[in-house]
Amino acid sequence: MSTTTRKGAAQRHCNTHLARTMRSLSTDTVEDRSSALFPVGAGSLHSPATSSVEGLRMAQDFAHIPVLLDEVTALFSPVPAGVVVDVTLGGAGHAAALVASRSDLGLLGIDRDPAALEVARLRLAEFGDRAVVHQGRFSEIRDIVSDSMEGRSPWPVIPGISGPAPVVGILADLGVSSPQLDWSERGFSFSKNGPLDMRMDPTHGETASEFLESVDLEDLTEILRENGEGRYARRIARALLAAVPLTTTDEVVAVVDSAVPRGDRRRGHVASRVFQALRIAVNSENIELETLLDSVLDLLAPGGRVAVISYHSGEDALVKHTLRRWAEGDCTCPPAMPCVCGSVSLGTLVGRRSVRASESECERNPRARSARLRCFEANR
């Protein structure tokens, strides 16, 4: 591909993939399974840490354990009767627990992964019309909720509530699920060879392979740098672009191996940060989260709550600062002075600090170690 072609293609990616990138690696010893970095075998640069799973799986094989399940259920226990929107439905672990916890709650589940939706429908079938599933991005929450409440698509039916029940909860469990990492054909994991795809919805959009063929050196360097690969970002970016077309995950791992001196490789494998960066770019994850946070307060009924589980310091920082801004009403007054700027609080932080998994949960589910759960209650 010519330099001109690359540069032109990069302009198409700039707003989508680089605007306020928020993610960085967890500081934990072992990264959660929702990112590209997870435990590697002793003495190996990228040995598999999970069992091989081939092909799409039915519900009994979708072994995704929801993190902070009891804590999430407890946070939504005080909300009024109505509908909880789970914008990262996955295998419906959180969703099923929420609907089961109260007969006056309905569930609208959103996910862009067709395989996850198939599993979720099976798991939520017992709740009948109280649980409804939609395929889509969580950045599309406004349109999905509007279409459903106005009758253009199904909306959960709650006994005793006439008309469309209000939205009283919004839940987002960010990141990649364990089954998505385990399925080699999805291309999310550097430890399993498969096609270089990385799309949350494998039926739409640009694959990671196609992304590498269109992005330019400067943009790719910035993407790698902003997602944890500092010193060798440009060197890796140059090596990747020189090697295109890249069609498999093993090919990317080999390129990264050759680009970084063995003595400078850090914990895990340097390819973990490269895979994370590519996944975020391919799925526009930074823009998705920002759009979601811009939408939720307009949808929530008074007393409704939004809860977000983050796995990276960057995305957690965005959630924390956004929820704090809502609580403070965009106050511009000095911290030590009474508010005189006329700002109005939009609600209350539910807890000043993030909720983290207990040691016992982390032992059962290592993915939970990096999880940070934050919650906000709307008052309007």
Protein backbone atom coordinates (compact mmCIF):
# COMPACT_ATOMS: atom_id res chain seq x y z
CA MET A 1 0.00 0.00 0.00
CA SER A 2 1.40 3.42 -0.92
CA THR A 3 2.20 6.12 1.65
CA THR A 4 -0.59 8.29 0.25
CA THR A 5 -3.11 5.49 0.51
CA ARG A 6 -2.07 4.70 4.06
CA LYS A 7 -2.30 8.34 5.11
CA GLY A 8 -5.72 8.73 3.60
CA ALA A 9 -6.94 5.59 5.30
CA ALA A 10 -5.50 6.80 8.58
CA GLN A 11 -7.72 9.87 8.49
CA ARG A 12 -10.74 7.58 8.55
CA HIS A 13 -9.40 5.99 11.73
CA CYS A 14 -8.24 9.08 13.57
CA ASN A 15 -11.51 10.11 15.17
CA THR A 16 -12.68 6.58 15.79
CA HIS A 17 -9.55 5.01 17.20
CA LEU A 18 -7.47 7.79 18.74
CA ALA A 19 -9.87 10.24 20.31
CA ARG A 20 -9.14 10.31 24.04
CA THR A 21 -7.92 6.74 24.30
CA MET A 22 -8.50 5.78 27.92
CA ARG A 23 -7.19 2.31 28.49
CA SER A 24 -3.99 1.21 30.11
CA LEU A 25 -2.85 -2.04 31.58
CA SER A 26 -3.88 -3.10 35.04
CA THR A 27 -1.21 -2.83 37.69
CA ASP A 28 -2.11 -6.22 39.14
CA THR A 29 0.33 -9.11 38.98
CA VAL A 30 -1.95 -10.97 36.60
CA GLU A 31 -4.15 -9.11 34.17
CA ASP A 32 -7.84 -10.00 34.03
CA ARG A 33 -9.17 -12.34 31.40
CA SER A 34 -11.19 -9.49 29.90
CA SER A 35 -8.07 -8.07 28.30
CA ALA A 36 -5.43 -9.54 26.05
CA LEU A 37 -3.01 -10.11 28.92
CA PHE A 38 -3.50 -13.11 31.13
CA PRO A 39 -1.21 -15.62 32.89
CA VAL A 40 1.48 -17.27 30.81
CA GLY A 41 3.32 -20.44 31.58
CA ALA A 42 6.56 -20.32 33.51
CA GLY A 43 9.53 -20.03 31.23
CA SER A 44 7.40 -19.38 28.18
CA LEU A 45 6.87 -16.11 26.41
CA HIS A 46 3.34 -16.90 25.27
CA SER A 47 2.28 -20.36 26.34
CA PRO A 48 -1.47 -21.01 26.52
CA ALA A 49 -3.13 -20.47 29.90
CA THR A 50 -6.53 -21.78 28.93
CA SER A 51 -7.86 -24.93 27.37
CA SER A 52 -8.47 -25.03 23.65
CA VAL A 53 -12.03 -24.35 22.56
CA GLU A 54 -13.02 -24.70 18.93
CA GLY A 55 -16.17 -23.44 17.26
CA LEU A 56 -19.17 -21.61 18.65
CA ARG A 57 -20.50 -23.08 21.86
CA MET A 58 -23.96 -23.54 23.27
CA ALA A 59 -24.95 -22.41 26.73
CA GLN A 60 -23.36 -25.28 28.62
CA ASP A 61 -19.96 -24.42 27.15
CA PHE A 62 -20.16 -20.63 27.50
CA ALA A 63 -18.13 -20.71 30.70
CA HIS A 64 -18.12 -17.00 31.48
CA ILE A 65 -18.27 -16.35 35.22
CA PRO A 66 -19.79 -12.93 35.99
CA VAL A 67 -17.61 -10.89 38.33
CA LEU A 68 -18.93 -9.16 41.45
CA LEU A 69 -22.29 -10.85 40.97
CA ASP A 70 -23.54 -10.43 44.54
CA GLU A 71 -22.31 -6.84 44.67
CA VAL A 72 -24.05 -5.93 41.41
CA THR A 73 -27.31 -7.51 42.57
CA ALA A 74 -27.13 -5.63 45.86
CA LEU A 75 -26.51 -2.29 44.15
CA PHE A 76 -29.70 -2.64 42.11
CA SER A 77 -31.84 -3.95 44.97
CA PRO A 78 -33.11 -0.46 46.05
CA VAL A 79 -34.16 0.78 42.57
CA PRO A 80 -37.87 1.30 41.80
CA ALA A 81 -39.82 -1.23 39.78
CA GLY A 82 -38.88 -1.11 36.12
CA VAL A 83 -36.36 -2.25 33.54
CA VAL A 84 -32.63 -2.78 33.96
CA VAL A 85 -30.64 -2.41 30.74
CA ASP A 86 -27.60 -4.67 30.62
CA VAL A 87 -25.57 -3.16 27.79
CA THR A 88 -22.89 -5.88 27.87
CA LEU A 89 -25.18 -8.88 28.13
CA GLY A 90 -22.66 -11.61 27.30
CA GLY A 91 -23.81 -14.96 28.64
CA ALA A 92 -26.48 -13.22 30.80
CA GLY A 93 -24.89 -14.09 34.14
CA HIS A 94 -25.57 -10.70 35.71
CA ALA A 95 -28.85 -10.31 33.82
CA ALA A 96 -30.35 -13.60 35.00
CA ALA A 97 -29.40 -12.87 38.60
CA LEU A 98 -30.98 -9.41 38.47
CA VAL A 99 -34.27 -10.60 36.99
CA ALA A 100 -34.41 -13.52 39.43
CA SER A 101 -33.81 -11.23 42.40
CA ARG A 102 -37.07 -9.28 41.97
CA SER A 103 -40.35 -10.03 40.23
CA ASP A 104 -40.90 -6.33 39.51
CA LEU A 105 -37.73 -5.97 37.44
CA GLY A 106 -37.51 -6.51 33.70
CA LEU A 107 -34.35 -6.88 31.65
CA LEU A 108 -33.31 -5.41 28.31
CA GLY A 109 -30.05 -7.03 27.22
CA ILE A 110 -27.76 -5.57 24.56
CA ASP A 111 -24.71 -7.22 23.01
CA ARG A 112 -23.08 -7.14 19.60
CA ASP A 113 -21.75 -10.70 19.71
CA PRO A 114 -24.22 -13.10 18.01
CA ALA A 115 -22.79 -16.11 19.87
CA ALA A 116 -23.30 -14.43 23.24
CA LEU A 117 -26.85 -13.45 22.32
CA GLU A 118 -27.70 -17.05 21.44
CA VAL A 119 -26.56 -18.16 24.87
CA ALA A 120 -28.28 -15.26 26.62
CA ARG A 121 -31.63 -16.02 25.00
CA LEU A 122 -31.46 -19.58 26.27
CA ARG A 123 -30.56 -18.52 29.79
CA LEU A 124 -33.23 -15.84 29.97
CA ALA A 125 -36.03 -17.89 28.40
CA GLU A 126 -37.42 -18.88 31.81
CA PHE A 127 -38.33 -15.24 32.50
CA GLY A 128 -40.58 -14.97 29.46
CA ASP A 129 -41.55 -11.44 28.39
CA ARG A 130 -39.73 -9.91 31.37
CA ALA A 131 -36.42 -10.37 29.53
CA VAL A 132 -35.79 -9.04 26.03
CA VAL A 133 -32.57 -9.27 24.01
CA HIS A 134 -31.30 -6.92 21.27
CA GLN A 135 -28.19 -7.09 19.13
CA GLY A 136 -26.29 -3.83 19.00
CA ARG A 137 -23.49 -1.69 20.37
CA PHE A 138 -23.96 -0.16 23.79
CA SER A 139 -23.28 3.24 22.23
CA GLU A 140 -26.65 2.72 20.53
CA ILE A 141 -28.52 2.54 23.84
CA ARG A 142 -30.59 5.68 23.17
CA ASP A 143 -31.99 4.38 19.91
CA ILE A 144 -32.53 0.85 21.19
CA VAL A 145 -34.41 2.03 24.27
CA SER A 146 -36.42 4.58 22.28
CA ASP A 147 -37.43 2.06 19.61
CA SER A 148 -38.44 -0.48 22.24
CA MET A 149 -40.42 1.86 24.47
CA GLU A 150 -42.24 3.26 21.44
CA GLY A 151 -43.26 -0.19 20.24
CA ARG A 152 -41.00 -0.58 17.23
CA SER A 153 -39.27 -3.52 18.93
CA PRO A 154 -40.03 -5.57 22.06
CA TRP A 155 -39.82 -4.02 25.54
CA PRO A 156 -39.86 -6.08 28.76
CA VAL A 157 -43.31 -6.68 30.19
CA ILE A 158 -43.55 -6.49 33.99
CA PRO A 159 -46.69 -7.79 35.73
CA GLY A 160 -48.60 -4.98 37.41
CA ILE A 161 -47.07 -2.19 35.31
CA SER A 162 -49.17 -0.86 32.46
CA GLY A 163 -47.40 0.61 29.47
CA PRO A 164 -43.63 0.64 29.02
CA ALA A 165 -41.92 0.34 32.39
CA PRO A 166 -39.27 3.00 33.11
CA VAL A 167 -35.53 2.39 32.94
CA VAL A 168 -34.36 2.04 36.53
CA GLY A 169 -30.93 0.54 35.99
CA ILE A 170 -28.09 0.41 33.48
CA LEU A 171 -25.24 -2.07 33.83
CA ALA A 172 -22.00 -2.23 31.83
CA ASP A 173 -19.41 -4.97 32.39
CA LEU A 174 -16.60 -3.80 30.11
CA GLY A 175 -13.95 -5.87 28.35
CA VAL A 176 -13.80 -9.22 26.59
CA SER A 177 -15.43 -12.32 28.00
CA SER A 178 -13.47 -15.48 28.74
CA PRO A 179 -15.18 -17.50 25.97
CA GLN A 180 -14.27 -14.85 23.41
CA LEU A 181 -10.63 -15.20 24.44
CA ASP A 182 -10.83 -18.99 24.47
CA TRP A 183 -12.26 -19.32 20.97
CA SER A 184 -9.25 -19.18 18.70
CA GLU A 185 -11.35 -18.31 15.66
CA ARG A 186 -12.18 -14.92 17.20
CA GLY A 187 -8.52 -13.81 17.17
CA PHE A 188 -8.53 -12.05 20.55
CA SER A 189 -5.81 -14.09 22.23
CA PHE A 190 -2.11 -14.00 21.44
CA SER A 191 -1.69 -17.48 22.95
CA LYS A 192 -4.04 -19.21 20.47
CA ASN A 193 -3.44 -19.19 16.76
CA GLY A 194 -6.40 -18.11 14.69
CA PRO A 195 -7.52 -15.57 12.11
CA LEU A 196 -6.59 -11.99 12.95
CA ASP A 197 -10.16 -10.80 13.50
CA MET A 198 -10.81 -9.28 16.97
CA ARG A 199 -14.28 -7.95 16.15
CA MET A 200 -16.85 -8.15 18.94
CA ASP A 201 -19.39 -8.70 16.17
CA PRO A 202 -17.64 -11.00 13.68
CA THR A 203 -20.28 -10.28 11.02
CA HIS A 204 -19.66 -6.54 10.66
CA GLY A 205 -16.85 -4.07 10.40
CA GLU A 206 -13.14 -4.12 9.79
CA THR A 207 -10.98 -6.97 11.08
CA ALA A 208 -7.66 -6.38 12.84
CA SER A 209 -5.95 -7.67 9.70
CA GLU A 210 -7.74 -5.07 7.58
CA PHE A 211 -7.05 -2.37 10.13
CA LEU A 212 -3.31 -3.00 9.91
CA GLU A 213 -3.47 -2.68 6.14
CA SER A 214 -5.08 0.77 6.34
CA VAL A 215 -3.54 2.49 9.37
CA ASP A 216 -0.37 4.56 9.02
CA LEU A 217 2.81 4.47 11.12
CA GLU A 218 2.09 7.53 13.25
CA ASP A 219 -1.43 6.46 14.18
CA LEU A 220 -0.44 2.89 14.95
CA THR A 221 2.47 4.05 17.09
CA GLU A 222 0.13 6.29 19.08
CA ILE A 223 -2.42 3.49 19.53
CA LEU A 224 0.28 1.16 20.90
CA ARG A 225 1.77 3.85 23.12
CA GLU A 226 -1.56 4.86 24.64
CA ASN A 227 -2.33 1.26 25.52
CA GLY A 228 0.77 0.48 27.50
CA GLU A 229 3.48 -0.21 24.93
CA GLY A 230 5.77 2.73 25.53
CA ARG A 231 9.42 2.26 24.66
CA TYR A 232 9.03 0.03 21.62
CA ALA A 233 5.72 1.34 20.25
CA ARG A 234 7.21 2.82 17.09
CA ARG A 235 9.54 -0.10 16.52
CA ILE A 236 6.66 -2.58 16.80
CA ALA A 237 4.39 -0.45 14.63
CA ARG A 238 7.02 -0.24 11.91
CA ALA A 239 7.58 -4.01 12.02
CA LEU A 240 3.86 -4.75 11.83
CA LEU A 241 3.31 -2.47 8.85
CA ALA A 242 6.34 -3.88 7.07
CA ALA A 243 4.89 -7.37 7.47
CA VAL A 244 1.35 -6.74 6.20
CA PRO A 245 -0.71 -8.52 5.12
CA LEU A 246 -0.92 -10.28 8.48
CA THR A 247 -3.75 -12.79 8.64
CA THR A 248 -3.21 -14.86 11.80
CA THR A 249 -2.52 -14.15 15.46
CA ASP A 250 0.65 -16.22 15.38
CA GLU A 251 2.03 -14.00 12.63
CA VAL A 252 1.54 -10.93 14.81
CA VAL A 253 3.18 -12.63 17.79
CA ALA A 254 6.17 -13.56 15.62
CA VAL A 255 6.54 -9.98 14.36
CA VAL A 256 6.40 -8.58 17.88
CA ASP A 257 8.88 -11.21 19.08
CA SER A 258 11.34 -10.11 16.43
CA ALA A 259 10.82 -6.39 17.09
CA VAL A 260 11.54 -6.38 20.82
CA PRO A 261 14.89 -7.53 22.25
CA ARG A 262 14.45 -10.55 24.49
CA GLY A 263 16.20 -8.87 27.40
CA ASP A 264 13.69 -6.02 27.40
CA ARG A 265 10.54 -8.13 27.48
CA ARG A 266 8.50 -7.56 30.59
CA ARG A 267 6.02 -9.59 32.60
CA GLY A 268 3.91 -11.81 30.37
CA HIS A 269 4.47 -11.19 26.71
CA VAL A 270 4.83 -7.86 24.99
CA ALA A 271 2.29 -9.06 22.42
CA SER A 272 -0.38 -8.77 25.13
CA ARG A 273 -0.27 -5.00 24.92
CA VAL A 274 -0.24 -5.07 21.13
CA PHE A 275 -3.31 -7.32 21.04
CA GLN A 276 -5.10 -5.13 23.56
CA ALA A 277 -4.37 -2.01 21.52
CA LEU A 278 -5.56 -3.60 18.27
CA ARG A 279 -8.74 -4.89 19.90
CA ILE A 280 -9.57 -1.46 21.31
CA ALA A 281 -8.96 0.18 17.93
CA VAL A 282 -10.93 -2.39 15.92
CA ASN A 283 -13.95 -2.15 18.23
CA SER A 284 -13.73 1.61 18.95
CA GLU A 285 -13.99 0.76 22.63
CA ASN A 286 -12.97 4.20 23.88
CA ILE A 287 -15.64 5.95 21.83
CA GLU A 288 -18.21 3.33 22.82
CA LEU A 289 -17.72 3.99 26.54
CA GLU A 290 -17.75 7.77 26.17
CA THR A 291 -20.98 7.63 24.16
CA LEU A 292 -22.59 5.32 26.69
CA LEU A 293 -21.75 7.63 29.58
CA ASP A 294 -23.11 10.59 27.63
CA SER A 295 -26.44 8.78 27.22
CA VAL A 296 -27.35 7.05 30.46
CA LEU A 297 -28.63 9.90 32.63
CA ASP A 298 -31.18 10.93 30.02
CA LEU A 299 -32.64 7.43 30.14
CA LEU A 300 -32.77 6.77 33.89
CA ALA A 301 -35.88 7.38 35.97
CA PRO A 302 -35.42 9.16 39.34
CA GLY A 303 -33.93 6.69 41.78
CA GLY A 304 -32.45 4.64 38.97
CA ARG A 305 -28.83 3.55 39.08
CA VAL A 306 -25.99 3.06 36.62
CA ALA A 307 -23.20 0.62 37.48
CA VAL A 308 -20.00 0.09 35.50
CA ILE A 309 -17.38 -2.63 35.95
CA SER A 310 -13.99 -1.59 34.53
CA TYR A 311 -10.82 -3.62 34.13
CA HIS A 312 -8.23 -1.01 33.15
CA SER A 313 -7.02 2.12 34.90
CA GLY A 314 -7.86 4.33 31.94
CA GLU A 315 -11.48 3.31 31.56
CA ASP A 316 -11.97 3.28 35.34
CA ALA A 317 -10.62 6.83 35.54
CA LEU A 318 -13.12 8.00 32.93
CA VAL A 319 -16.00 6.34 34.78
CA LYS A 320 -14.87 7.74 38.15
CA HIS A 321 -14.47 11.29 36.88
CA THR A 322 -17.77 11.19 34.99
CA LEU A 323 -19.76 9.94 37.98
CA ARG A 324 -18.09 12.51 40.24
CA ARG A 325 -18.94 15.27 37.77
CA TRP A 326 -22.57 14.19 37.77
CA ALA A 327 -22.64 14.25 41.57
CA GLU A 328 -21.01 17.68 41.75
CA GLY A 329 -23.11 19.13 38.94
CA ASP A 330 -20.11 20.43 36.98
CA CYS A 331 -19.28 22.79 39.84
CA THR A 332 -16.42 25.15 38.94
CA CYS A 333 -15.93 26.63 42.40
CA PRO A 334 -12.67 26.05 44.34
CA PRO A 335 -12.87 22.86 46.45
CA ALA A 336 -12.60 24.72 49.78
CA MET A 337 -15.31 27.27 48.96
CA PRO A 338 -19.13 27.00 49.00
CA CYS A 339 -20.67 26.55 45.57
CA VAL A 340 -21.77 29.85 44.03
CA CYS A 341 -21.65 28.88 40.35
CA GLY A 342 -25.21 27.59 40.26
CA SER A 343 -24.35 23.99 39.43
CA VAL A 344 -26.98 21.37 40.21
CA SER A 345 -26.14 17.85 41.30
CA LEU A 346 -27.63 15.16 39.09
CA GLY A 347 -27.54 12.48 41.76
CA THR A 348 -25.41 10.67 44.29
CA LEU A 349 -22.33 8.50 44.18
CA VAL A 350 -23.13 5.13 45.69
CA GLY A 351 -19.93 4.76 47.66
CA ARG A 352 -16.92 7.04 47.36
CA ARG A 353 -14.58 4.26 46.28
CA SER A 354 -14.83 1.49 43.75
CA VAL A 355 -16.02 -1.93 44.85
CA ARG A 356 -13.45 -4.68 44.38
CA ALA A 357 -13.75 -8.44 44.46
CA SER A 358 -12.95 -10.34 47.63
CA GLU A 359 -9.90 -12.55 47.82
CA SER A 360 -12.12 -15.63 47.79
CA GLU A 361 -13.78 -14.52 44.55
CA CYS A 362 -10.39 -13.73 43.00
CA GLU A 363 -9.22 -17.23 43.87
CA ARG A 364 -12.30 -18.73 42.20
CA ASN A 365 -12.17 -16.35 39.25
CA PRO A 366 -8.80 -14.62 38.57
CA ARG A 367 -10.57 -12.33 36.08
CA ALA A 368 -12.18 -10.55 39.03
CA ARG A 369 -8.88 -9.30 40.43
CA SER A 370 -8.71 -6.29 38.13
CA ALA A 371 -12.42 -5.45 38.31
CA ARG A 372 -13.55 -2.06 39.65
CA LEU A 373 -17.27 -1.49 40.18
CA ARG A 374 -18.67 2.05 40.48
CA CYS A 375 -22.29 3.12 40.85
CA PHE A 376 -24.33 6.31 40.65
CA GLU A 377 -27.97 7.02 41.59
CA ALA A 378 -29.90 9.58 39.54
CA ASN A 379 -32.16 12.08 41.29
CA ARG A 380 -33.99 13.48 38.30
